[in-house]
Amino acid sequence: MKLLLLTPQGTQEINEVTAVTLPTTRGEITILKNHEPLVTQLASGAIEVQKGREKEYFASFDGFAQISENTIKVFSAGTQEASTLDEAKIQEAIKQAQALKESHIDDMEFTRAAALLEREFAKLKALRRRKRL
């Protein structure tokens, strides 16, 4: 199978994928070879990519996925490879976003802080799954 991660920053193609687990708004789903065609809404979270016995993890920030003809297209506001993440920086960003959320001045600030928290928790989830390997 082939996985395409499509974001405003560009496209990343990963070939020879044996399974992909996606965070949907209704829970996680795993896509295997010859999966039925599907379009599903994604939640922020961790994408697990399996290539044989090797696994890679990506943090993903909302979007949707389209599965057809052994190609998985992930359309996301952003993705980040877990191997590039730093847990200490993520924890600091979470603290800052929580402080911003608690001291919000208006609805716009509150919404911004909530979105930042969601992104950082998605990063943390991807990083922790990678560390379990």
Protein backbone atom coordinates (compact mmCIF):
# COMPACT_ATOMS: atom_id res chain seq x y z
CA MET A 1 0.00 0.00 0.00
CA LYS A 2 0.94 3.64 -0.28
CA LEU A 3 0.37 6.38 2.31
CA LEU A 4 0.22 10.04 1.33
CA LEU A 5 0.35 12.67 4.08
CA LEU A 6 -0.99 15.86 2.50
CA THR A 7 -0.64 19.08 4.51
CA PRO A 8 -0.37 22.79 3.71
CA GLN A 9 3.40 22.35 4.18
CA GLY A 10 3.65 19.69 1.46
CA THR A 11 3.21 16.00 0.70
CA GLN A 12 5.05 13.04 2.15
CA GLU A 13 4.79 9.68 0.40
CA ILE A 14 5.46 6.42 2.22
CA ASN A 15 5.53 3.27 0.09
CA GLU A 16 5.34 -0.43 0.91
CA VAL A 17 3.10 0.13 3.92
CA THR A 18 1.51 -3.02 5.40
CA ALA A 19 -0.90 -1.32 7.86
CA VAL A 20 -1.90 2.19 8.93
CA THR A 21 -3.79 3.05 12.12
CA LEU A 22 -5.63 6.38 12.00
CA PRO A 23 -7.24 8.46 14.78
CA THR A 24 -10.80 9.12 13.62
CA THR A 25 -13.51 11.07 15.39
CA ARG A 26 -15.17 7.71 16.17
CA GLY A 27 -12.05 5.93 17.43
CA GLU A 28 -9.00 4.38 15.83
CA ILE A 29 -9.19 2.32 12.65
CA THR A 30 -6.52 0.15 11.06
CA ILE A 31 -6.28 -0.01 7.29
CA LEU A 32 -4.92 -3.19 5.70
CA LYS A 33 -4.33 -4.18 2.07
CA ASN A 34 -7.49 -4.26 -0.10
CA HIS A 35 -9.55 -2.24 2.40
CA GLU A 36 -12.96 -1.15 1.20
CA PRO A 37 -13.06 2.44 -0.15
CA LEU A 38 -13.67 4.86 2.69
CA VAL A 39 -13.66 8.55 3.55
CA THR A 40 -13.47 9.36 7.27
CA GLN A 41 -12.96 12.41 9.45
CA LEU A 42 -9.74 12.39 11.48
CA ALA A 43 -9.21 13.61 15.01
CA SER A 44 -5.90 14.97 16.28
CA GLY A 45 -3.79 12.06 17.48
CA ALA A 46 -1.17 9.52 16.47
CA ILE A 47 -0.91 7.83 13.09
CA GLU A 48 0.85 4.47 13.23
CA VAL A 49 2.52 3.32 10.01
CA GLN A 50 3.67 -0.28 9.79
CA LYS A 51 6.15 -1.44 7.15
CA GLY A 52 6.74 -5.14 7.76
CA ARG A 53 7.98 -5.34 11.35
CA GLU A 54 8.98 -1.67 11.55
CA LYS A 55 6.65 1.05 12.83
CA GLU A 56 6.74 4.82 12.43
CA TYR A 57 4.53 7.31 14.25
CA PHE A 58 3.26 10.73 13.26
CA ALA A 59 1.31 13.33 15.19
CA SER A 60 -1.64 14.44 13.07
CA PHE A 61 -3.80 17.51 13.54
CA ASP A 62 -7.40 16.99 12.40
CA GLY A 63 -8.46 16.46 8.80
CA PHE A 64 -9.83 13.51 6.87
CA ALA A 65 -8.62 10.35 5.15
CA GLN A 66 -9.54 8.79 1.85
CA ILE A 67 -8.84 5.09 1.28
CA SER A 68 -9.11 3.55 -2.18
CA GLU A 69 -7.17 1.11 -4.37
CA ASN A 70 -4.53 0.43 -1.68
CA THR A 71 -3.74 4.13 -1.36
CA ILE A 72 -4.36 6.00 1.89
CA LYS A 73 -4.52 9.77 1.56
CA VAL A 74 -4.43 11.76 4.80
CA PHE A 75 -5.47 15.39 4.37
CA SER A 76 -4.42 17.15 7.57
CA ALA A 77 -3.79 20.62 8.94
CA GLY A 78 -0.34 19.24 9.80
CA THR A 79 1.66 16.17 10.65
CA GLN A 80 4.93 15.74 12.50
CA GLU A 81 7.13 12.67 12.67
CA ALA A 82 7.36 11.41 16.26
CA SER A 83 11.12 10.90 16.00
CA THR A 84 11.53 14.68 15.69
CA LEU A 85 9.54 15.50 18.85
CA ASP A 86 10.97 16.54 22.22
CA GLU A 87 8.86 15.58 25.24
CA ALA A 88 10.19 18.39 27.45
CA LYS A 89 9.24 21.00 24.84
CA ILE A 90 5.81 19.44 24.43
CA GLN A 91 5.20 19.45 28.20
CA GLU A 92 6.25 23.12 28.39
CA ALA A 93 3.94 24.02 25.50
CA ILE A 94 1.08 22.19 27.25
CA LYS A 95 1.66 24.20 30.45
CA GLN A 96 1.69 27.46 28.51
CA ALA A 97 -1.48 26.56 26.59
CA GLN A 98 -3.27 25.54 29.81
CA ALA A 99 -2.28 28.83 31.45
CA LEU A 100 -3.51 30.75 28.42
CA LYS A 101 -6.77 28.79 28.41
CA GLU A 102 -7.37 29.48 32.12
CA SER A 103 -6.67 33.20 31.81
CA HIS A 104 -8.40 33.81 28.48
CA ILE A 105 -9.57 37.30 27.83
CA ASP A 106 -12.11 36.45 25.16
CA ASP A 107 -13.55 33.52 23.23
CA MET A 108 -10.92 33.83 20.49
CA GLU A 109 -8.07 33.39 22.99
CA PHE A 110 -9.84 30.45 24.62
CA THR A 111 -10.33 28.75 21.24
CA ARG A 112 -6.70 29.36 20.30
CA ALA A 113 -5.49 27.85 23.58
CA ALA A 114 -7.77 24.82 23.18
CA ALA A 115 -6.41 24.22 19.67
CA LEU A 116 -2.82 24.50 20.93
CA LEU A 117 -3.56 21.99 23.69
CA GLU A 118 -5.08 19.55 21.21
CA ARG A 119 -1.98 19.77 18.97
CA GLU A 120 0.44 19.26 21.85
CA PHE A 121 -1.50 16.27 23.20
CA ALA A 122 -1.45 14.72 19.70
CA LYS A 123 2.33 15.16 19.62
CA LEU A 124 2.68 13.65 23.08
CA LYS A 125 0.57 10.64 22.11
CA ALA A 126 2.65 9.97 18.99
CA LEU A 127 5.90 10.34 20.91
CA ARG A 128 4.83 8.03 23.72
CA ARG A 129 3.66 5.37 21.28
CA ARG A 130 7.01 5.55 19.53
CA LYS A 131 8.83 5.12 22.86
CA ARG A 132 6.89 1.90 23.56
CA LEU A 133 8.63 0.17 20.65
